[in-house]
């Protein structure tokens, strides 16, 4: 519940309002929780809005995940904003992906007006304009926001294969490349490091390095290298590097106890949907690897909103989908709730959908046969209801939704058509100057703003190759000087010994004692950082 609001008598006693009867009263009773809860809106029944019948979601079940779905323009973004505000007010950090650039307004007070007051009166809301503590991030410094970067090693082969759109064979080969780099202590910080290792492993000198574990074909290596090059040409090279973002930053609260709303600004990369959706999955996987098991808490540690979720699943490999399913299933016990935001539930695989306990379904359109089929499929995913859901879902207005959540006991609540509350923060973007000022005033800006390019795989391989070439030239010159005094059956020259020994063997010996250990990886193959 918002800290500025007082509970109604029905809320305080945990009972449903007495003005309703029949199915409407039963629905309202299903949302009369005793403990802390977020206020979503008021019940719609028989064409009327009932402000005393408040539709709510218990705070402790926000780690049971959820789905916010609906056609374009039906109010999904405002629903995210409404939930994020109340989570923040209750001391729960929130992560939001801002795809269209219109969520930054959560940091500023909303604008009072006739429409806001009308909506507040309809749903029994004591509306007050206020902003919430925010941090703004950007992928690799593209667009506004504190740069969020990941190392190639930290990102891992499974997620990177998704971004590079590799097939199963190529994905397995990329995993082999990561395994080799890990075992030899070759840090893959950015894409040039990965390119250098791939090129080495198909060179005359490096081919033998992978023979014992399957090898790397020249054709597959060529596909991977071309994919990396194309990826860089799209401007994605800056997303990989150091300092790597510590996802623990997303768990912070403000000095006044409110949860910080972390907004990842993505308008500048809207044309790279697989990139940003996969980066969101990296964040979630990284949190999964670092957080301890805590079970069910009085309130979640973090609620993570995954906007445009269909982009994450589009063209995904079986291994990738299995990893997502397992991450979503297990991260609940670490105190993190995940809400997928998309147009229809069918955009989310059934195994993932089965893990989602809370549901906010905005209006659906049925203009085409495919739309009608999707509508019927959506209706079948709801519990039995006294509503004619096909009619209700096509007749909902903007800012209205059909809701079912988990009760405090973990049982599904009755399906409730709901008129949603109005967000108290600005329903739109803040101006560019204010956003830039907020970013530069953040205590995290100095930590992540400047990229660092330290010695890693590329530099090590290049230095070794250069040293070997110089040694070969010096040896050849010395051989030429001694040539008149040599017999035809002399020992191999120093140059031949250097070339024949393999450029990389000395590198493996030099770094093996320090870094020659396998980096432990989680479900997605992402490396766990040592903090």
Protein backbone atom coordinates (compact mmCIF):
# COMPACT_ATOMS: atom_id res chain seq x y z
CA UNK A 1 0.00 0.00 0.00
CA UNK A 2 1.26 3.49 -0.78
CA UNK A 3 2.71 5.10 2.35
CA UNK A 4 0.62 8.23 1.82
CA UNK A 5 -2.73 6.43 1.79
CA UNK A 6 -4.95 5.30 4.62
CA UNK A 7 -6.74 1.95 4.40
CA UNK A 8 -10.49 1.89 4.08
CA UNK A 9 -12.59 0.16 6.71
CA UNK A 10 -12.91 -2.87 4.45
CA UNK A 11 -9.14 -3.03 4.01
CA UNK A 12 -8.42 -2.57 7.70
CA UNK A 13 -10.73 -5.40 8.71
CA UNK A 14 -9.79 -7.71 5.83
CA UNK A 15 -13.45 -8.02 4.73
CA UNK A 16 -15.24 -7.27 1.50
CA UNK A 17 -17.61 -4.26 1.22
CA UNK A 18 -21.22 -5.08 2.09
CA UNK A 19 -22.76 -3.06 -0.77
CA UNK A 20 -22.17 -5.88 -3.26
CA UNK A 21 -24.01 -9.17 -3.63
CA UNK A 22 -23.71 -12.42 -5.56
CA UNK A 23 -20.65 -13.05 -7.75
CA UNK A 24 -19.40 -9.47 -7.33
CA UNK A 25 -19.27 -9.86 -3.56
CA UNK A 26 -17.41 -13.15 -3.90
CA UNK A 27 -14.84 -11.53 -6.21
CA UNK A 28 -14.35 -8.59 -3.83
CA UNK A 29 -13.93 -10.94 -0.87
CA UNK A 30 -11.11 -12.68 -2.72
CA UNK A 31 -9.03 -9.48 -2.57
CA UNK A 32 -9.66 -8.54 1.09
CA UNK A 33 -6.17 -9.40 2.35
CA UNK A 34 -5.01 -8.88 5.93
CA UNK A 35 -1.37 -8.05 5.28
CA UNK A 36 0.35 -5.30 3.24
CA UNK A 37 -0.79 -5.14 -0.38
CA UNK A 38 -0.44 -2.98 -3.48
CA UNK A 39 -3.57 -1.16 -4.65
CA UNK A 40 -4.31 -1.85 -8.33
CA UNK A 41 -7.79 -0.42 -8.79
CA UNK A 42 -11.51 -0.94 -8.28
CA UNK A 43 -13.82 -3.76 -9.38
CA UNK A 44 -15.81 -3.45 -12.60
CA UNK A 45 -19.07 -5.37 -12.53
CA UNK A 46 -22.20 -5.12 -14.64
CA UNK A 47 -20.95 -1.97 -16.37
CA UNK A 48 -20.23 -0.08 -13.13
CA UNK A 49 -17.07 0.69 -11.16
CA UNK A 50 -17.24 -0.06 -7.42
CA UNK A 51 -14.62 2.02 -5.57
CA UNK A 52 -15.18 0.17 -2.28
CA UNK A 53 -14.27 -3.16 -3.90
CA UNK A 54 -10.53 -2.69 -4.17
CA UNK A 55 -8.46 -5.04 -6.28
CA UNK A 56 -5.08 -5.61 -4.65
CA UNK A 57 -2.01 -7.83 -4.72
CA UNK A 58 -0.30 -8.99 -1.51
CA UNK A 59 3.22 -7.65 -1.18
CA UNK A 60 4.78 -11.01 -0.17
CA UNK A 61 3.63 -12.76 -3.38
CA UNK A 62 5.36 -10.33 -5.74
CA UNK A 63 8.25 -12.83 -5.92
CA UNK A 64 5.86 -15.36 -7.50
CA UNK A 65 6.30 -13.61 -10.86
CA UNK A 66 3.67 -12.25 -13.17
CA UNK A 67 2.49 -11.25 -16.62
CA UNK A 68 1.27 -7.90 -17.90
CA UNK A 69 -0.24 -8.32 -21.35
CA UNK A 70 -2.44 -6.43 -23.77
CA UNK A 71 -2.62 -4.82 -27.18
CA UNK A 72 -0.61 -1.70 -28.02
CA UNK A 73 -2.07 1.42 -26.41
CA UNK A 74 -4.11 -0.32 -23.72
CA UNK A 75 -2.07 0.99 -20.78
CA UNK A 76 0.57 -1.66 -20.03
CA UNK A 77 3.28 0.94 -19.41
CA UNK A 78 1.11 2.88 -16.97
CA UNK A 79 0.37 -0.38 -15.13
CA UNK A 80 4.12 -0.96 -14.73
CA UNK A 81 4.48 2.58 -13.45
CA UNK A 82 1.64 2.14 -10.97
CA UNK A 83 3.10 -1.08 -9.55
CA UNK A 84 6.66 0.30 -9.52
CA UNK A 85 5.60 3.37 -7.52
CA UNK A 86 3.95 1.32 -4.79
CA UNK A 87 6.81 -1.16 -4.60
CA UNK A 88 9.23 1.73 -4.16
CA UNK A 89 7.01 3.25 -1.47
CA UNK A 90 7.14 -0.07 0.37
CA UNK A 91 10.94 -0.20 0.26
CA UNK A 92 11.24 -2.68 -2.63
CA UNK A 93 13.77 -1.88 -5.41
CA UNK A 94 12.41 -2.11 -8.95
CA UNK A 95 13.98 -2.62 -12.37
CA UNK A 96 12.19 -1.27 -15.46
CA UNK A 97 13.28 -1.48 -19.10
CA UNK A 98 12.24 1.75 -20.84
CA UNK A 99 11.82 0.67 -24.47
CA UNK A 100 10.04 3.74 -25.80
CA UNK A 101 11.61 6.33 -23.52
CA UNK A 102 8.46 7.25 -21.61
CA UNK A 103 9.08 5.69 -18.18
CA UNK A 104 11.59 8.26 -16.94
CA UNK A 105 8.65 10.30 -15.59
CA UNK A 106 8.52 7.99 -12.56
CA UNK A 107 11.22 10.24 -11.08
CA UNK A 108 9.03 13.38 -11.22
CA UNK A 109 5.67 14.32 -9.65
CA UNK A 110 2.64 13.77 -11.86
CA UNK A 111 0.54 16.56 -13.32
CA UNK A 112 -2.77 17.22 -11.62
CA UNK A 113 -5.76 17.64 -13.89
CA UNK A 114 -9.41 16.87 -14.50
CA UNK A 115 -8.78 13.43 -16.02
CA UNK A 116 -6.55 12.34 -13.16
CA UNK A 117 -9.05 13.56 -10.58
CA UNK A 118 -11.90 11.85 -12.42
CA UNK A 119 -10.06 8.53 -12.48
CA UNK A 120 -9.08 8.90 -8.80
CA UNK A 121 -12.70 9.52 -7.84
CA UNK A 122 -13.93 6.52 -9.82
CA UNK A 123 -11.59 4.10 -8.07
CA UNK A 124 -11.54 5.69 -4.59
CA UNK A 125 -7.92 6.82 -4.82
CA UNK A 126 -6.42 9.59 -2.67
CA UNK A 127 -4.17 10.82 -5.50
CA UNK A 128 -1.09 12.89 -4.63
CA UNK A 129 1.54 14.03 -7.12
CA UNK A 130 5.01 12.75 -6.22
CA UNK A 131 8.15 11.36 -7.79
CA UNK A 132 10.24 8.38 -6.73
CA UNK A 133 14.01 7.80 -6.38
CA UNK A 134 15.46 6.64 -9.70
CA UNK A 135 18.70 5.62 -11.33
CA UNK A 136 18.96 5.77 -15.12
CA UNK A 137 21.12 3.36 -17.12
CA UNK A 138 22.04 2.89 -20.77
CA UNK A 139 23.53 -0.10 -22.60
CA UNK A 140 27.23 0.56 -23.08
CA UNK A 141 26.73 4.30 -22.88
CA UNK A 142 24.42 4.37 -25.91
CA UNK A 143 21.87 7.08 -25.21
CA UNK A 144 21.30 8.68 -21.80
CA UNK A 145 22.11 6.84 -18.63
CA UNK A 146 24.97 5.35 -16.62
CA UNK A 147 26.72 2.84 -18.94
CA UNK A 148 25.90 -0.81 -18.32
CA UNK A 149 28.60 -3.11 -19.70
CA UNK A 150 29.31 -6.80 -19.43
CA UNK A 151 32.50 -8.66 -20.22
CA UNK A 152 32.28 -11.34 -22.88
CA UNK A 153 33.39 -13.89 -20.27
CA UNK A 154 30.70 -12.71 -17.86
CA UNK A 155 28.04 -12.75 -20.56
CA UNK A 156 28.75 -16.36 -21.42
CA UNK A 157 28.36 -18.48 -24.57
CA UNK A 158 24.63 -19.29 -24.37
CA UNK A 159 23.43 -15.69 -24.19
CA UNK A 160 26.03 -14.55 -26.73
CA UNK A 161 24.90 -17.24 -29.16
CA UNK A 162 21.37 -15.83 -28.88
CA UNK A 163 22.60 -12.32 -29.69
CA UNK A 164 24.75 -13.52 -32.61
CA UNK A 165 21.87 -15.72 -33.88
CA UNK A 166 24.01 -18.85 -34.06
CA UNK A 167 22.56 -22.30 -34.68
CA UNK A 168 22.96 -25.21 -32.27
CA UNK A 169 26.24 -26.48 -33.77
CA UNK A 170 27.75 -23.00 -33.77
CA UNK A 171 26.52 -22.42 -30.21
CA UNK A 172 28.28 -25.61 -29.09
CA UNK A 173 31.48 -24.51 -30.83
CA UNK A 174 31.29 -21.13 -29.12
CA UNK A 175 30.95 -22.95 -25.80
CA UNK A 176 34.11 -24.88 -26.65
CA UNK A 177 35.94 -21.62 -27.37
CA UNK A 178 34.86 -20.20 -23.98
CA UNK A 179 35.94 -23.41 -22.26
CA UNK A 180 39.37 -23.14 -23.84
CA UNK A 181 39.79 -19.47 -22.98
CA UNK A 182 38.75 -20.15 -19.38
CA UNK A 183 41.14 -23.06 -18.96
CA UNK A 184 44.08 -21.07 -20.36
CA UNK A 185 43.39 -17.91 -18.37
CA UNK A 186 42.53 -15.83 -21.42
CA UNK A 187 40.15 -13.13 -20.20
CA UNK A 188 37.46 -12.37 -22.80
CA UNK A 189 36.69 -8.78 -21.88
CA UNK A 190 35.49 -7.37 -25.20
CA UNK A 191 34.71 -8.64 -28.68
CA UNK A 192 38.25 -8.19 -30.01
CA UNK A 193 39.39 -10.66 -27.34
CA UNK A 194 36.89 -13.23 -28.57
CA UNK A 195 37.85 -12.63 -32.19
CA UNK A 196 41.54 -13.06 -31.36
CA UNK A 197 40.96 -16.42 -29.62
CA UNK A 198 38.77 -17.74 -32.46
CA UNK A 199 41.36 -16.70 -35.05
CA UNK A 200 44.16 -18.32 -33.05
CA UNK A 201 42.32 -21.64 -32.69
CA UNK A 202 41.99 -22.04 -36.48
CA UNK A 203 45.53 -20.85 -37.24
CA UNK A 204 48.32 -23.29 -38.12
CA UNK A 205 49.75 -22.79 -34.66
CA UNK A 206 46.51 -23.13 -32.65
CA UNK A 207 44.67 -25.92 -34.48
CA UNK A 208 46.15 -28.63 -32.28
CA UNK A 209 44.96 -26.97 -29.08
CA UNK A 210 41.36 -28.26 -29.40
CA UNK A 211 42.00 -31.64 -31.03
CA UNK A 212 41.51 -33.52 -27.78
CA UNK A 213 38.08 -31.97 -27.10
CA UNK A 214 36.45 -31.91 -30.52
CA UNK A 215 38.23 -29.25 -32.51
CA UNK A 216 36.87 -26.14 -34.23
CA UNK A 217 36.10 -26.24 -37.93
CA UNK A 218 37.27 -23.40 -40.13
CA UNK A 219 33.74 -22.99 -41.52
CA UNK A 220 32.14 -22.63 -38.08
CA UNK A 221 34.88 -20.25 -36.96
CA UNK A 222 34.23 -18.17 -40.08
CA UNK A 223 30.52 -17.92 -39.26
CA UNK A 224 31.26 -16.86 -35.71
CA UNK A 225 33.81 -14.26 -36.83
CA UNK A 226 31.42 -12.84 -39.44
CA UNK A 227 28.63 -12.67 -36.86
CA UNK A 228 30.89 -10.81 -34.45
CA UNK A 229 31.90 -8.36 -37.19
CA UNK A 230 28.28 -7.71 -38.19
CA UNK A 231 27.38 -7.27 -34.53
CA UNK A 232 30.12 -4.66 -34.09
CA UNK A 233 29.02 -2.82 -37.23
CA UNK A 234 25.64 -2.35 -35.60
CA UNK A 235 27.41 -0.37 -32.89
CA UNK A 236 27.21 -3.13 -30.29
CA UNK A 237 30.94 -3.29 -29.53
CA UNK A 238 30.58 -0.76 -26.71
CA UNK A 239 28.21 -3.00 -24.76
CA UNK A 240 31.05 -5.39 -23.96
CA UNK A 241 33.92 -4.24 -21.81
CA UNK A 242 34.89 -2.99 -18.39
CA UNK A 243 34.04 -1.84 -15.79
CA UNK A 244 31.42 -4.60 -15.76
CA UNK A 245 28.16 -3.54 -14.17
CA UNK A 246 27.53 -5.03 -10.74
CA UNK A 247 23.87 -6.08 -10.72
CA UNK A 248 23.86 -5.72 -6.91
CA UNK A 249 23.42 -1.98 -7.64
CA UNK A 250 19.81 -2.82 -8.56
CA UNK A 251 19.06 -3.88 -4.96
CA UNK A 252 19.67 -0.51 -3.33
CA UNK A 253 17.22 1.63 -1.37
CA UNK A 254 17.17 5.41 -0.95
CA UNK A 255 18.14 7.11 2.35
CA UNK A 256 14.43 7.57 3.15
CA UNK A 257 13.83 3.82 2.90
CA UNK A 258 12.07 3.79 -0.46
CA UNK A 259 13.23 1.32 -3.06
CA UNK A 260 15.26 2.77 -5.94
CA UNK A 261 13.62 2.39 -9.34
CA UNK A 262 16.34 1.45 -11.86
CA UNK A 263 15.31 2.52 -15.36
CA UNK A 264 17.27 1.10 -18.29
CA UNK A 265 16.89 3.62 -21.12
CA UNK A 266 16.64 1.69 -24.41
CA UNK A 267 15.19 4.02 -27.09
CA UNK A 268 18.61 4.34 -28.73
CA UNK A 269 18.78 0.57 -29.30
CA UNK A 270 15.17 -0.08 -30.33
CA UNK A 271 16.45 -1.43 -33.65
CA UNK A 272 18.48 -4.13 -31.81
CA UNK A 273 15.69 -5.98 -30.00
CA UNK A 274 17.55 -9.25 -29.50
CA UNK A 275 20.46 -7.38 -27.99
CA UNK A 276 18.53 -5.56 -25.29
CA UNK A 277 16.25 -8.49 -24.49
CA UNK A 278 19.29 -10.76 -24.08
CA UNK A 279 21.08 -8.18 -21.97
CA UNK A 280 18.07 -8.10 -19.66
CA UNK A 281 18.35 -11.87 -19.35
CA UNK A 282 22.05 -11.49 -18.51
CA UNK A 283 21.13 -9.15 -15.66
CA UNK A 284 18.64 -11.65 -14.31
CA UNK A 285 21.07 -14.57 -14.68
CA UNK A 286 23.80 -12.58 -12.94
CA UNK A 287 21.49 -11.83 -10.02
CA UNK A 288 20.56 -15.51 -9.87
CA UNK A 289 24.21 -16.50 -9.59
CA UNK A 290 25.02 -14.04 -6.82
CA UNK A 291 21.99 -13.98 -4.50
CA UNK A 292 21.63 -16.46 -1.63
CA UNK A 293 18.57 -18.64 -1.07
CA UNK A 294 16.10 -16.86 1.22
CA UNK A 295 12.75 -18.54 0.57
CA UNK A 296 9.57 -16.49 0.95
CA UNK A 297 10.05 -13.05 2.49
CA UNK A 298 7.66 -10.39 3.83
CA UNK A 299 8.52 -8.43 0.70
CA UNK A 300 10.73 -9.22 -2.31
CA UNK A 301 14.31 -8.03 -2.64
CA UNK A 302 13.70 -6.84 -6.19
CA UNK A 303 10.93 -6.90 -8.79
CA UNK A 304 12.20 -7.08 -12.35
CA UNK A 305 9.96 -6.00 -15.26
CA UNK A 306 10.88 -7.62 -18.58
CA UNK A 307 9.29 -5.43 -21.27
CA UNK A 308 8.79 -6.61 -24.87
CA UNK A 309 9.25 -10.16 -23.58
CA UNK A 310 8.33 -11.77 -26.92
CA UNK A 311 11.65 -10.54 -28.30
CA UNK A 312 13.51 -12.66 -25.77
CA UNK A 313 11.85 -15.87 -26.91
CA UNK A 314 11.84 -15.22 -30.65
CA UNK A 315 14.20 -17.65 -32.40
CA UNK A 316 15.55 -18.95 -29.10
CA UNK A 317 17.32 -22.31 -28.97
CA UNK A 318 15.97 -25.16 -26.86
CA UNK A 319 18.89 -24.78 -24.44
CA UNK A 320 18.17 -21.06 -24.07
CA UNK A 321 14.47 -21.64 -23.34
CA UNK A 322 15.30 -24.34 -20.81
CA UNK A 323 17.70 -21.96 -19.07
CA UNK A 324 15.09 -19.19 -18.92
CA UNK A 325 12.52 -21.59 -17.48
CA UNK A 326 14.89 -22.83 -14.83
CA UNK A 327 16.04 -19.32 -13.91
CA UNK A 328 12.45 -18.09 -13.51
CA UNK A 329 11.52 -21.16 -11.48
CA UNK A 330 14.45 -20.89 -9.07
CA UNK A 331 15.02 -17.16 -8.67
CA UNK A 332 11.76 -16.85 -6.70
CA UNK A 333 13.49 -18.49 -3.73
CA UNK A 334 16.16 -15.78 -3.89
CA UNK A 335 13.60 -13.04 -3.29
CA UNK A 336 13.34 -11.75 -6.87
CA UNK A 337 10.05 -11.38 -8.74
CA UNK A 338 9.93 -11.25 -12.54
CA UNK A 339 7.08 -9.74 -14.55
CA UNK A 340 7.01 -10.39 -18.30
CA UNK A 341 5.35 -7.66 -20.35
CA UNK A 342 4.08 -8.51 -23.82
CA UNK A 343 1.02 -8.35 -26.08
CA UNK A 344 -0.50 -11.81 -25.64
CA UNK A 345 0.24 -14.69 -23.26
CA UNK A 346 1.05 -16.92 -26.24
CA UNK A 347 4.23 -14.84 -26.71
CA UNK A 348 5.59 -16.55 -23.59
CA UNK A 349 6.42 -20.29 -23.74
CA UNK A 350 4.00 -22.44 -21.76
CA UNK A 351 6.71 -23.72 -19.40
CA UNK A 352 7.56 -20.13 -18.45
CA UNK A 353 3.90 -19.06 -18.34
CA UNK A 354 3.22 -21.85 -15.84
CA UNK A 355 5.63 -20.17 -13.38
CA UNK A 356 3.72 -16.86 -13.37
CA UNK A 357 1.30 -16.48 -10.46
CA UNK A 358 0.07 -12.90 -10.98
CA UNK A 359 -1.73 -11.66 -14.07
CA UNK A 360 -2.81 -8.27 -15.41
CA UNK A 361 -4.46 -8.67 -18.81
CA UNK A 362 -5.33 -5.48 -20.69
CA UNK A 363 -7.63 -5.36 -23.71
CA UNK A 364 -7.09 -7.60 -26.73
CA UNK A 365 -8.16 -6.92 -30.31
CA UNK A 366 -9.98 -9.41 -32.50
CA UNK A 367 -9.83 -7.83 -35.95
CA UNK A 368 -8.44 -10.87 -37.78
CA UNK A 369 -8.89 -14.65 -37.55
CA UNK A 370 -5.46 -14.89 -35.92
CA UNK A 371 -6.54 -12.27 -33.37
CA UNK A 372 -9.70 -14.23 -32.61
CA UNK A 373 -7.69 -17.42 -32.16
CA UNK A 374 -5.28 -15.64 -29.79
CA UNK A 375 -8.24 -14.25 -27.83
CA UNK A 376 -9.75 -17.71 -27.31
CA UNK A 377 -6.34 -19.08 -26.28
CA UNK A 378 -5.95 -16.25 -23.74
CA UNK A 379 -9.39 -16.90 -22.23
CA UNK A 380 -8.50 -20.55 -21.69
CA UNK A 381 -5.51 -19.55 -19.56
CA UNK A 382 -7.75 -17.91 -16.91
CA UNK A 383 -9.49 -19.71 -14.03
CA UNK A 384 -13.27 -20.23 -14.29
CA UNK A 385 -15.05 -16.91 -14.01
CA UNK A 386 -18.59 -15.49 -13.93
CA UNK A 387 -17.48 -13.01 -16.62
CA UNK A 388 -17.83 -13.62 -20.33
CA UNK A 389 -14.10 -13.06 -20.75
CA UNK A 390 -14.13 -12.93 -24.57
CA UNK A 391 -16.57 -10.05 -24.38
CA UNK A 392 -14.85 -8.35 -21.46
CA UNK A 393 -11.34 -8.55 -22.92
CA UNK A 394 -12.38 -6.95 -26.20
CA UNK A 395 -14.44 -4.27 -24.44
CA UNK A 396 -11.93 -3.01 -21.86
CA UNK A 397 -10.94 0.64 -22.09
CA UNK A 398 -7.49 2.15 -21.70
CA UNK A 399 -6.36 1.72 -18.12
CA UNK A 400 -8.66 -1.23 -17.49
CA UNK A 401 -7.63 -4.87 -17.13
CA UNK A 402 -8.71 -8.34 -16.08
CA UNK A 403 -6.72 -9.38 -13.02
CA UNK A 404 -6.03 -12.53 -11.04
CA UNK A 405 -3.21 -12.80 -8.49
CA UNK A 406 -2.08 -15.14 -5.75
CA UNK A 407 -3.61 -14.68 -2.33
CA UNK A 408 -1.58 -14.59 0.87
CA UNK A 409 -2.07 -18.37 1.07
CA UNK A 410 -0.79 -18.89 -2.47
CA UNK A 411 -4.19 -19.67 -4.04
CA UNK A 412 -5.40 -17.83 -7.18
CA UNK A 413 -7.85 -15.01 -6.52
CA UNK A 414 -11.12 -14.74 -8.49
CA UNK A 415 -10.85 -13.13 -11.92
CA UNK A 416 -11.68 -9.43 -11.55
CA UNK A 417 -12.31 -6.85 -14.26
CA UNK A 418 -10.62 -3.75 -12.87
CA UNK A 419 -10.39 -0.03 -13.49
CA UNK A 420 -6.81 0.75 -12.59
CA UNK A 421 -5.54 3.59 -10.47
CA UNK A 422 -3.65 6.53 -11.93
CA UNK A 423 0.12 6.70 -11.34
CA UNK A 424 1.18 9.49 -9.01
CA UNK A 425 4.37 10.24 -10.94
CA UNK A 426 4.63 11.91 -14.34
CA UNK A 427 2.95 9.84 -17.06
CA UNK A 428 5.53 10.62 -19.74
CA UNK A 429 9.26 11.33 -20.08
CA UNK A 430 11.15 13.97 -18.18
CA UNK A 431 12.99 16.48 -20.37
CA UNK A 432 16.45 15.59 -21.65
CA UNK A 433 18.26 18.18 -19.52
CA UNK A 434 16.71 16.89 -16.29
CA UNK A 435 17.53 13.30 -17.25
CA UNK A 436 21.15 14.17 -18.04
CA UNK A 437 21.50 16.06 -14.74
CA UNK A 438 20.09 13.10 -12.80
CA UNK A 439 22.53 10.72 -14.47
CA UNK A 440 25.61 12.84 -13.77
CA UNK A 441 24.55 13.50 -10.18
CA UNK A 442 24.38 9.78 -9.42
CA UNK A 443 27.09 8.35 -7.13
CA UNK A 444 27.43 5.50 -9.66
CA UNK A 445 28.35 7.74 -12.57
CA UNK A 446 32.03 8.03 -11.64
CA UNK A 447 32.24 4.28 -11.14
CA UNK A 448 30.92 3.22 -14.55
CA UNK A 449 31.06 6.20 -16.92
CA UNK A 450 34.55 5.67 -18.37
CA UNK A 451 35.43 2.46 -20.20
CA UNK A 452 38.66 0.65 -19.24
CA UNK A 453 40.70 -1.42 -21.70
CA UNK A 454 43.14 -3.54 -19.70
CA UNK A 455 45.37 -6.39 -20.86
CA UNK A 456 43.27 -9.40 -21.84
CA UNK A 457 43.20 -12.18 -24.45
CA UNK A 458 43.80 -9.93 -27.48
CA UNK A 459 46.79 -8.17 -25.95
CA UNK A 460 48.31 -11.40 -24.64
CA UNK A 461 47.98 -13.26 -27.93
CA UNK A 462 49.24 -10.28 -29.91
CA UNK A 463 52.24 -9.81 -27.62
CA UNK A 464 53.16 -13.50 -27.79
CA UNK A 465 52.84 -13.57 -31.55
CA UNK A 466 54.96 -10.44 -31.92
CA UNK A 467 57.64 -11.84 -29.59
CA UNK A 468 57.73 -15.13 -31.48
CA UNK A 469 58.03 -13.36 -34.85
CA UNK A 470 60.87 -11.18 -33.57
CA UNK A 471 62.67 -14.21 -32.14
CA UNK A 472 62.24 -16.01 -35.45
CA UNK A 473 63.72 -13.08 -37.38
CA UNK A 474 66.67 -12.81 -35.01
CA UNK A 475 67.27 -16.53 -35.23
CA UNK A 476 67.08 -16.45 -39.03
CA UNK A 477 69.65 -13.63 -39.13
CA UNK A 478 71.96 -15.53 -36.81
CA UNK A 479 71.53 -18.66 -38.92
CA UNK A 480 72.41 -16.76 -42.07
CA UNK A 481 75.60 -15.46 -40.42
CA UNK A 482 76.67 -18.96 -39.40
CA UNK A 483 75.55 -20.65 -42.62
CA UNK A 484 79.00 -20.97 -44.34
CA UNK A 485 80.42 -22.88 -41.34
CA UNK A 486 77.49 -25.36 -41.06
CA UNK A 487 77.26 -28.84 -42.47
CA UNK A 488 74.15 -30.00 -44.34
CA UNK A 489 73.08 -32.38 -41.51
CA UNK A 490 73.07 -29.93 -38.61
CA UNK A 491 70.50 -29.64 -35.87
CA UNK A 492 67.30 -27.64 -36.58
CA UNK A 493 67.77 -23.89 -36.49
CA UNK A 494 66.57 -21.75 -33.61
CA UNK A 495 63.93 -20.25 -35.92
CA UNK A 496 62.59 -23.72 -36.69
CA UNK A 497 62.55 -24.55 -32.99
CA UNK A 498 60.62 -21.36 -32.15
CA UNK A 499 58.05 -21.87 -34.91
CA UNK A 500 57.70 -25.56 -34.23
CA UNK A 501 57.14 -25.11 -30.51
CA UNK A 502 53.78 -23.32 -30.95
CA UNK A 503 53.22 -19.67 -30.18
CA UNK A 504 50.68 -20.33 -27.55
CA UNK A 505 52.48 -22.95 -25.46
CA UNK A 506 54.63 -20.39 -23.71
CA UNK A 507 51.57 -18.25 -23.06
CA UNK A 508 49.73 -21.21 -21.55
CA UNK A 509 52.67 -21.88 -19.21
CA UNK A 510 53.03 -18.23 -18.19
CA UNK A 511 49.39 -17.65 -17.32
CA UNK A 512 48.51 -21.18 -16.31
CA UNK A 513 49.90 -20.85 -12.81
CA UNK A 514 47.92 -17.65 -12.20
CA UNK A 515 44.69 -18.01 -14.14
CA UNK A 516 44.71 -21.52 -15.54
CA UNK A 517 41.50 -22.62 -13.89
CA UNK A 518 38.01 -23.11 -15.24
CA UNK A 519 35.67 -20.19 -14.50
CA UNK A 520 32.50 -21.52 -12.81
CA UNK A 521 29.36 -20.83 -14.81
CA UNK A 522 25.67 -20.72 -14.03
CA UNK A 523 22.59 -21.81 -15.96
CA UNK A 524 23.29 -19.53 -18.91
CA UNK A 525 27.05 -20.10 -18.93
CA UNK A 526 27.53 -16.68 -17.38
CA UNK A 527 30.60 -16.39 -15.17
CA UNK A 528 30.15 -15.65 -11.49
CA UNK A 529 32.11 -12.60 -10.47
CA UNK A 530 34.13 -12.56 -7.27
CA UNK A 531 33.08 -9.59 -5.20
